[in-house]
Amino acid sequence: SVGRSRGRGVGAGSCAAEGARAAPWSVWAVQVLAWVPVSPGCCTGLARRVTCNGESTRGLLRDAAVALRPGDWFTLIRATLVGGVAALVADSFSRPPPLTAMVVLAVLALVLDAVDGLVARRTGTVSAVGARFDYEVDAFLILVLAVYDVRLIGGGVLAIGAARYVFVGAGWLFPWLREPAPYRYWCKVVAAIQGIVLTAAMADILPRRLMQVVLVVALALLAES
């Protein structure tokens, strides 16, 4: 699941699901919900929104015929929730973290991960762009959760968070890694497991030793997928 498209279709592009015919102001209107008062976290959330909206413009120019589909709106809401988690995690390095808020936002983002694909399939609007957008939101959430969990579990947890981006980097050295792979639903299951396990680690609901074992199992599943 590290470098393969999944969920709503075979992927191509980046956060380009936002790059639909929807007006840029509508994207900003939804993403502004992730705003946090001026702070390091605010800068993180703003950077995330700028990145996604930049990709939106590129997607719009690349494929002007694609409109923001029903499932994509749920993915966009997830992206906003993930932006909120990222902002709060950044803030946690300078002040006590609002743990409950971070866990709630992460759980909501994980729950909606099962909704966007379902909506896309039920409405017959599955698209490569939507699938890739969904995938990139998943990858960023996993990275953010891993960054927070370092202080609780240790640096090894970053192997999960950075896996997607290491895979992309390896693709520049080994072009065959960029070739599209057959869709496997198992990959999406594994990605969901990563988010659930990392959120559980954030919530600190299991004994530390047991949590470390669970994370090792999750990493093994990620490598297999």
C-alpha atoms as a PDB file:
ATOM      1  CA  SER A   1       0.000   0.000   0.000  1.00  0.00           C
ATOM      2  CA  VAL A   2       3.038   2.275   0.326  1.00  0.00           C
ATOM      3  CA  GLY A   3       3.234   3.314  -3.283  1.00  0.00           C
ATOM      4  CA  ARG A   4       0.134   1.930  -4.902  1.00  0.00           C
ATOM      5  CA  SER A   5      -3.116   3.538  -5.868  1.00  0.00           C
ATOM      6  CA  ARG A   6      -6.171   2.205  -4.151  1.00  0.00           C
ATOM      7  CA  GLY A   7      -9.612   3.017  -2.829  1.00  0.00           C
ATOM      8  CA  ARG A   8     -11.673   4.587  -5.575  1.00  0.00           C
ATOM      9  CA  GLY A   9      -9.651   3.776  -8.671  1.00  0.00           C
ATOM     10  CA  VAL A  10      -6.190   3.532 -10.171  1.00  0.00           C
ATOM     11  CA  GLY A  11      -4.248   6.640  -9.191  1.00  0.00           C
ATOM     12  CA  ALA A  12      -2.562   9.340 -11.231  1.00  0.00           C
ATOM     13  CA  GLY A  13      -1.648  12.847 -10.042  1.00  0.00           C
ATOM     14  CA  SER A  14      -1.260  14.313  -6.563  1.00  0.00           C
ATOM     15  CA  CYS A  15      -3.681  16.243  -4.362  1.00  0.00           C
ATOM     16  CA  ALA A  16      -5.256  16.893  -7.734  1.00  0.00           C
ATOM     17  CA  ALA A  17      -8.675  15.686  -6.727  1.00  0.00           C
ATOM     18  CA  GLU A  18      -9.101  19.211  -5.527  1.00  0.00           C
ATOM     19  CA  GLY A  19      -8.119  20.239  -9.027  1.00  0.00           C
ATOM     20  CA  ALA A  20     -11.638  20.007 -10.219  1.00  0.00           C
ATOM     21  CA  ARG A  21     -13.948  22.432 -11.878  1.00  0.00           C
ATOM     22  CA  ALA A  22     -15.077  23.671  -8.447  1.00  0.00           C
ATOM     23  CA  ALA A  23     -14.095  27.285  -7.913  1.00  0.00           C
ATOM     24  CA  PRO A  24     -10.913  27.802  -5.833  1.00  0.00           C
ATOM     25  CA  TRP A  25     -12.871  29.850  -3.272  1.00  0.00           C
ATOM     26  CA  SER A  26     -14.986  26.819  -2.431  1.00  0.00           C
ATOM     27  CA  VAL A  27     -11.891  24.789  -1.638  1.00  0.00           C
ATOM     28  CA  TRP A  28     -10.520  27.545   0.576  1.00  0.00           C
ATOM     29  CA  ALA A  29     -13.895  27.892   2.298  1.00  0.00           C
ATOM     30  CA  VAL A  30     -13.821  24.252   3.374  1.00  0.00           C
ATOM     31  CA  GLN A  31     -10.146  24.165   4.271  1.00  0.00           C
ATOM     32  CA  VAL A  32     -10.336  27.317   6.389  1.00  0.00           C
ATOM     33  CA  LEU A  33     -12.150  25.165   8.953  1.00  0.00           C
ATOM     34  CA  ALA A  34      -8.723  23.775   9.848  1.00  0.00           C
ATOM     35  CA  TRP A  35      -7.456  27.247  10.848  1.00  0.00           C
ATOM     36  CA  VAL A  36      -5.706  27.496  14.195  1.00  0.00           C
ATOM     37  CA  PRO A  37      -4.800  30.849  15.842  1.00  0.00           C
ATOM     38  CA  VAL A  38      -1.362  32.165  14.868  1.00  0.00           C
ATOM     39  CA  SER A  39       1.159  29.626  16.056  1.00  0.00           C
ATOM     40  CA  PRO A  40       3.589  27.062  14.632  1.00  0.00           C
ATOM     41  CA  GLY A  41       0.599  24.804  14.100  1.00  0.00           C
ATOM     42  CA  CYS A  42      -1.187  27.527  12.180  1.00  0.00           C
ATOM     43  CA  CYS A  43       1.785  27.765   9.831  1.00  0.00           C
ATOM     44  CA  THR A  44       1.710  24.008   9.335  1.00  0.00           C
ATOM     45  CA  GLY A  45      -2.003  24.018   8.540  1.00  0.00           C
ATOM     46  CA  LEU A  46      -1.602  26.977   6.193  1.00  0.00           C
ATOM     47  CA  ALA A  47       1.293  25.295   4.373  1.00  0.00           C
ATOM     48  CA  ARG A  48      -0.826  22.198   3.935  1.00  0.00           C
ATOM     49  CA  ARG A  49      -3.726  24.218   2.487  1.00  0.00           C
ATOM     50  CA  VAL A  50      -1.434  26.141   0.128  1.00  0.00           C
ATOM     51  CA  THR A  51       0.103  22.876  -1.092  1.00  0.00           C
ATOM     52  CA  CYS A  52      -3.233  21.241  -1.745  1.00  0.00           C
ATOM     53  CA  ASN A  53      -4.658  24.304  -3.471  1.00  0.00           C
ATOM     54  CA  GLY A  54      -1.544  24.564  -5.622  1.00  0.00           C
ATOM     55  CA  GLU A  55      -2.125  20.980  -6.642  1.00  0.00           C
ATOM     56  CA  SER A  56      -5.773  21.873  -7.254  1.00  0.00           C
ATOM     57  CA  THR A  57      -4.763  24.463  -9.821  1.00  0.00           C
ATOM     58  CA  ARG A  58      -2.396  22.060 -11.534  1.00  0.00           C
ATOM     59  CA  GLY A  59      -5.109  19.423 -11.640  1.00  0.00           C
ATOM     60  CA  LEU A  60      -7.566  21.896 -13.092  1.00  0.00           C
ATOM     61  CA  LEU A  61      -5.158  22.884 -15.844  1.00  0.00           C
ATOM     62  CA  ARG A  62      -4.264  19.276 -16.522  1.00  0.00           C
ATOM     63  CA  ASP A  63      -7.811  17.998 -16.788  1.00  0.00           C
ATOM     64  CA  ALA A  64     -10.391  20.761 -17.059  1.00  0.00           C
ATOM     65  CA  ALA A  65     -13.105  18.213 -17.805  1.00  0.00           C
ATOM     66  CA  VAL A  66     -12.962  16.734 -14.303  1.00  0.00           C
ATOM     67  CA  ALA A  67     -15.394  18.122 -11.740  1.00  0.00           C
ATOM     68  CA  LEU A  68     -15.188  17.701  -7.986  1.00  0.00           C
ATOM     69  CA  ARG A  69     -17.168  14.518  -7.506  1.00  0.00           C
ATOM     70  CA  PRO A  70     -19.355  13.534  -4.508  1.00  0.00           C
ATOM     71  CA  GLY A  71     -16.722  11.241  -2.987  1.00  0.00           C
ATOM     72  CA  ASP A  72     -14.058  13.917  -3.454  1.00  0.00           C
ATOM     73  CA  TRP A  73     -15.971  16.281  -1.165  1.00  0.00           C
ATOM     74  CA  PHE A  74     -15.688  13.755   1.655  1.00  0.00           C
ATOM     75  CA  THR A  75     -11.987  13.394   0.929  1.00  0.00           C
ATOM     76  CA  LEU A  76     -11.684  17.172   1.031  1.00  0.00           C
ATOM     77  CA  ILE A  77     -13.328  17.201   4.461  1.00  0.00           C
ATOM     78  CA  ARG A  78     -10.828  14.544   5.526  1.00  0.00           C
ATOM     79  CA  ALA A  79      -7.981  16.697   4.241  1.00  0.00           C
ATOM     80  CA  THR A  80      -9.281  19.548   6.401  1.00  0.00           C
ATOM     81  CA  LEU A  81      -9.418  17.304   9.473  1.00  0.00           C
ATOM     82  CA  VAL A  82      -5.890  16.068   8.788  1.00  0.00           C
ATOM     83  CA  GLY A  83      -4.738  19.679   8.454  1.00  0.00           C
ATOM     84  CA  GLY A  84      -6.173  20.278  11.916  1.00  0.00           C
ATOM     85  CA  VAL A  85      -4.307  17.284  13.323  1.00  0.00           C
ATOM     86  CA  ALA A  86      -1.073  18.504  11.722  1.00  0.00           C
ATOM     87  CA  ALA A  87      -1.525  21.975  13.220  1.00  0.00           C
ATOM     88  CA  LEU A  88      -2.155  20.581  16.710  1.00  0.00           C
ATOM     89  CA  VAL A  89       0.801  18.200  16.469  1.00  0.00           C
ATOM     90  CA  ALA A  90       3.060  21.117  15.485  1.00  0.00           C
ATOM     91  CA  ASP A  91       1.738  23.117  18.435  1.00  0.00           C
ATOM     92  CA  SER A  92       2.410  20.197  20.775  1.00  0.00           C
ATOM     93  CA  PHE A  93       6.155  20.805  20.462  1.00  0.00           C
ATOM     94  CA  SER A  94       5.825  24.176  22.166  1.00  0.00           C
ATOM     95  CA  ARG A  95       2.948  23.630  24.605  1.00  0.00           C
ATOM     96  CA  PRO A  96       0.913  20.802  26.174  1.00  0.00           C
ATOM     97  CA  PRO A  97      -1.038  19.069  23.411  1.00  0.00           C
ATOM     98  CA  PRO A  98      -4.858  19.029  23.339  1.00  0.00           C
ATOM     99  CA  LEU A  99      -4.809  15.242  23.153  1.00  0.00           C
ATOM    100  CA  THR A 100      -8.573  14.768  23.067  1.00  0.00           C
ATOM    101  CA  ALA A 101      -8.961  17.155  20.130  1.00  0.00           C
ATOM    102  CA  MET A 102      -6.147  15.466  18.194  1.00  0.00           C
ATOM    103  CA  VAL A 103      -7.578  11.999  18.744  1.00  0.00           C
ATOM    104  CA  VAL A 104     -11.112  13.072  17.803  1.00  0.00           C
ATOM    105  CA  LEU A 105      -9.948  14.728  14.579  1.00  0.00           C
ATOM    106  CA  ALA A 106      -7.829  11.697  13.666  1.00  0.00           C
ATOM    107  CA  VAL A 107     -10.693   9.275  14.374  1.00  0.00           C
ATOM    108  CA  LEU A 108     -13.109  11.338  12.271  1.00  0.00           C
ATOM    109  CA  ALA A 109     -10.600  11.381   9.393  1.00  0.00           C
ATOM    110  CA  LEU A 110     -10.204   7.606   9.647  1.00  0.00           C
ATOM    111  CA  VAL A 111     -13.962   7.012   9.726  1.00  0.00           C
ATOM    112  CA  LEU A 112     -14.524   9.192   6.673  1.00  0.00           C
ATOM    113  CA  ASP A 113     -11.862   7.180   4.851  1.00  0.00           C
ATOM    114  CA  ALA A 114     -14.497   4.450   4.561  1.00  0.00           C
ATOM    115  CA  VAL A 115     -17.107   6.928   3.349  1.00  0.00           C
ATOM    116  CA  ASP A 116     -15.512   8.716   0.390  1.00  0.00           C
ATOM    117  CA  GLY A 117     -14.828   5.550  -1.578  1.00  0.00           C
ATOM    118  CA  LEU A 118     -18.288   4.169  -0.786  1.00  0.00           C
ATOM    119  CA  VAL A 119     -19.933   7.373  -1.988  1.00  0.00           C
ATOM    120  CA  ALA A 120     -17.852   7.363  -5.168  1.00  0.00           C
ATOM    121  CA  ARG A 121     -18.835   3.781  -5.953  1.00  0.00           C
ATOM    122  CA  ARG A 122     -22.525   4.284  -5.137  1.00  0.00           C
ATOM    123  CA  THR A 123     -22.729   7.386  -7.333  1.00  0.00           C
ATOM    124  CA  GLY A 124     -20.683   5.893 -10.162  1.00  0.00           C
ATOM    125  CA  THR A 125     -18.086   8.665  -9.910  1.00  0.00           C
ATOM    126  CA  VAL A 126     -14.938   6.639  -9.236  1.00  0.00           C
ATOM    127  CA  SER A 127     -11.915   8.420 -10.715  1.00  0.00           C
ATOM    128  CA  ALA A 128      -8.141   8.109 -10.815  1.00  0.00           C
ATOM    129  CA  VAL A 129      -7.765  11.664  -9.514  1.00  0.00           C
ATOM    130  CA  GLY A 130     -10.115  11.005  -6.600  1.00  0.00           C
ATOM    131  CA  ALA A 131      -8.319   7.795  -5.686  1.00  0.00           C
ATOM    132  CA  ARG A 132      -4.938   9.554  -5.656  1.00  0.00           C
ATOM    133  CA  PHE A 133      -6.287  12.432  -3.571  1.00  0.00           C
ATOM    134  CA  ASP A 134      -7.652   9.895  -1.087  1.00  0.00           C
ATOM    135  CA  TYR A 135      -4.296   8.129  -1.035  1.00  0.00           C
ATOM    136  CA  GLU A 136      -2.271  11.284  -0.401  1.00  0.00           C
ATOM    137  CA  VAL A 137      -4.538  12.324   2.479  1.00  0.00           C
ATOM    138  CA  ASP A 138      -4.050   8.873   4.031  1.00  0.00           C
ATOM    139  CA  ALA A 139      -0.272   9.109   3.654  1.00  0.00           C
ATOM    140  CA  PHE A 140      -0.070  12.578   5.202  1.00  0.00           C
ATOM    141  CA  LEU A 141      -2.248  11.591   8.171  1.00  0.00           C
ATOM    142  CA  ILE A 142      -0.033   8.559   8.823  1.00  0.00           C
ATOM    143  CA  LEU A 143       3.070  10.756   8.686  1.00  0.00           C
ATOM    144  CA  VAL A 144       1.615  13.336  11.102  1.00  0.00           C
ATOM    145  CA  LEU A 145       0.529  10.675  13.595  1.00  0.00           C
ATOM    146  CA  ALA A 146       3.957   9.029  13.433  1.00  0.00           C
ATOM    147  CA  VAL A 147       5.699  12.341  14.116  1.00  0.00           C
ATOM    148  CA  TYR A 148       3.655  12.791  17.284  1.00  0.00           C
ATOM    149  CA  ASP A 149       4.146   9.183  18.394  1.00  0.00           C
ATOM    150  CA  VAL A 150       7.949   9.469  18.280  1.00  0.00           C
ATOM    151  CA  ARG A 151       7.965  10.981  21.762  1.00  0.00           C
ATOM    152  CA  LEU A 152       5.851   8.108  23.096  1.00  0.00           C
ATOM    153  CA  ILE A 153       7.187   5.080  21.225  1.00  0.00           C
ATOM    154  CA  GLY A 154      10.567   6.095  19.808  1.00  0.00           C
ATOM    155  CA  GLY A 155      12.024   7.023  16.454  1.00  0.00           C
ATOM    156  CA  GLY A 156      11.293   3.628  14.926  1.00  0.00           C
ATOM    157  CA  VAL A 157       7.658   4.612  14.431  1.00  0.00           C
ATOM    158  CA  LEU A 158       8.779   7.010  11.691  1.00  0.00           C
ATOM    159  CA  ALA A 159       9.398   3.960   9.505  1.00  0.00           C
ATOM    160  CA  ILE A 160       5.620   3.770   9.151  1.00  0.00           C
ATOM    161  CA  GLY A 161       5.070   7.488   8.690  1.00  0.00           C
ATOM    162  CA  ALA A 162       7.822   7.969   6.134  1.00  0.00           C
ATOM    163  CA  ALA A 163       7.232   4.765   4.154  1.00  0.00           C
ATOM    164  CA  ARG A 164       5.148   6.411   1.439  1.00  0.00           C
ATOM    165  CA  TYR A 165       7.623   9.224   0.886  1.00  0.00           C
ATOM    166  CA  VAL A 166      10.651   6.919   0.903  1.00  0.00           C
ATOM    167  CA  PHE A 167       8.879   4.840  -1.732  1.00  0.00           C
ATOM    168  CA  VAL A 168       8.308   7.930  -3.870  1.00  0.00           C
ATOM    169  CA  GLY A 169      11.958   8.920  -3.513  1.00  0.00           C
ATOM    170  CA  ALA A 170      13.050   5.425  -4.498  1.00  0.00           C
ATOM    171  CA  GLY A 171      10.890   5.756  -7.590  1.00  0.00           C
ATOM    172  CA  TRP A 172      13.197   8.487  -8.863  1.00  0.00           C
ATOM    173  CA  LEU A 173      16.131   6.072  -8.674  1.00  0.00           C
ATOM    174  CA  PHE A 174      14.254   3.001  -9.873  1.00  0.00           C
ATOM    175  CA  PRO A 175      11.662   3.987 -12.498  1.00  0.00           C
ATOM    176  CA  TRP A 176      10.008   0.564 -12.393  1.00  0.00           C
ATOM    177  CA  LEU A 177       8.674   1.451  -8.936  1.00  0.00           C
ATOM    178  CA  ARG A 178       6.549   4.161 -10.569  1.00  0.00           C
ATOM    179  CA  GLU A 179       4.722   1.657 -12.746  1.00  0.00           C
ATOM    180  CA  PRO A 180       1.034   1.235 -11.792  1.00  0.00           C
ATOM    181  CA  ALA A 181       0.361  -1.926  -9.811  1.00  0.00           C
ATOM    182  CA  PRO A 182      -2.802  -4.049  -9.846  1.00  0.00           C
ATOM    183  CA  TYR A 183      -5.439  -2.852  -7.409  1.00  0.00           C
ATOM    184  CA  ARG A 184      -5.645  -4.844  -4.179  1.00  0.00           C
ATOM    185  CA  TYR A 185      -8.292  -4.053  -1.562  1.00  0.00           C
ATOM    186  CA  TRP A 186      -5.926  -5.509   1.046  1.00  0.00           C
ATOM    187  CA  CYS A 187      -3.659  -2.494   0.549  1.00  0.00           C
ATOM    188  CA  LYS A 188      -6.432  -0.163   1.648  1.00  0.00           C
ATOM    189  CA  VAL A 189      -7.100  -2.338   4.687  1.00  0.00           C
ATOM    190  CA  VAL A 190      -3.415  -2.180   5.633  1.00  0.00           C
ATOM    191  CA  ALA A 191      -3.362   1.610   5.238  1.00  0.00           C
ATOM    192  CA  ALA A 192      -6.391   1.868   7.538  1.00  0.00           C
ATOM    193  CA  ILE A 193      -4.644  -0.349  10.081  1.00  0.00           C
ATOM    194  CA  GLN A 194      -1.660   2.027  10.122  1.00  0.00           C
ATOM    195  CA  GLY A 195      -3.893   4.990  10.924  1.00  0.00           C
ATOM    196  CA  ILE A 196      -5.806   3.107  13.612  1.00  0.00           C
ATOM    197  CA  VAL A 197      -2.661   1.804  15.297  1.00  0.00           C
ATOM    198  CA  LEU A 198      -0.910   5.188  15.226  1.00  0.00           C
ATOM    199  CA  THR A 199      -4.008   6.896  16.636  1.00  0.00           C
ATOM    200  CA  ALA A 200      -4.159   4.306  19.417  1.00  0.00           C
ATOM    201  CA  ALA A 201      -0.505   5.057  20.169  1.00  0.00           C
ATOM    202  CA  MET A 202      -1.298   8.783  20.274  1.00  0.00           C
ATOM    203  CA  ALA A 203      -4.146   8.146  22.720  1.00  0.00           C
ATOM    204  CA  ASP A 204      -1.757   6.031  24.841  1.00  0.00           C
ATOM    205  CA  ILE A 205      -4.468   3.461  25.553  1.00  0.00           C
ATOM    206  CA  LEU A 206      -2.232   0.379  25.592  1.00  0.00           C
ATOM    207  CA  PRO A 207       0.806  -0.504  27.720  1.00  0.00           C
ATOM    208  CA  ARG A 208       3.963   0.794  26.053  1.00  0.00           C
ATOM    209  CA  ARG A 209       5.496  -2.641  25.408  1.00  0.00           C
ATOM    210  CA  LEU A 210       2.300  -3.992  23.883  1.00  0.00           C
ATOM    211  CA  MET A 211       1.966  -0.908  21.715  1.00  0.00           C
ATOM    212  CA  GLN A 212       5.476  -1.411  20.394  1.00  0.00           C
ATOM    213  CA  VAL A 213       4.631  -4.988  19.417  1.00  0.00           C
ATOM    214  CA  VAL A 214       1.444  -3.844  17.674  1.00  0.00           C
ATOM    215  CA  LEU A 215       3.408  -1.219  15.735  1.00  0.00           C
ATOM    216  CA  VAL A 216       5.971  -3.801  14.611  1.00  0.00           C
ATOM    217  CA  VAL A 217       3.130  -5.986  13.306  1.00  0.00           C
ATOM    218  CA  ALA A 218       1.607  -2.979  11.539  1.00  0.00           C
ATOM    219  CA  LEU A 219       4.952  -2.164   9.916  1.00  0.00           C
ATOM    220  CA  ALA A 220       5.307  -5.792   8.758  1.00  0.00           C
ATOM    221  CA  LEU A 221       1.855  -5.619   7.162  1.00  0.00           C
ATOM    222  CA  LEU A 222       2.791  -2.357   5.464  1.00  0.00           C
ATOM    223  CA  ALA A 223       5.976  -3.866   4.046  1.00  0.00           C
ATOM    224  CA  GLU A 224       4.061  -6.904   2.772  1.00  0.00           C
ATOM    225  CA  SER A 225       1.407  -4.821   1.082  1.00  0.00           C
END
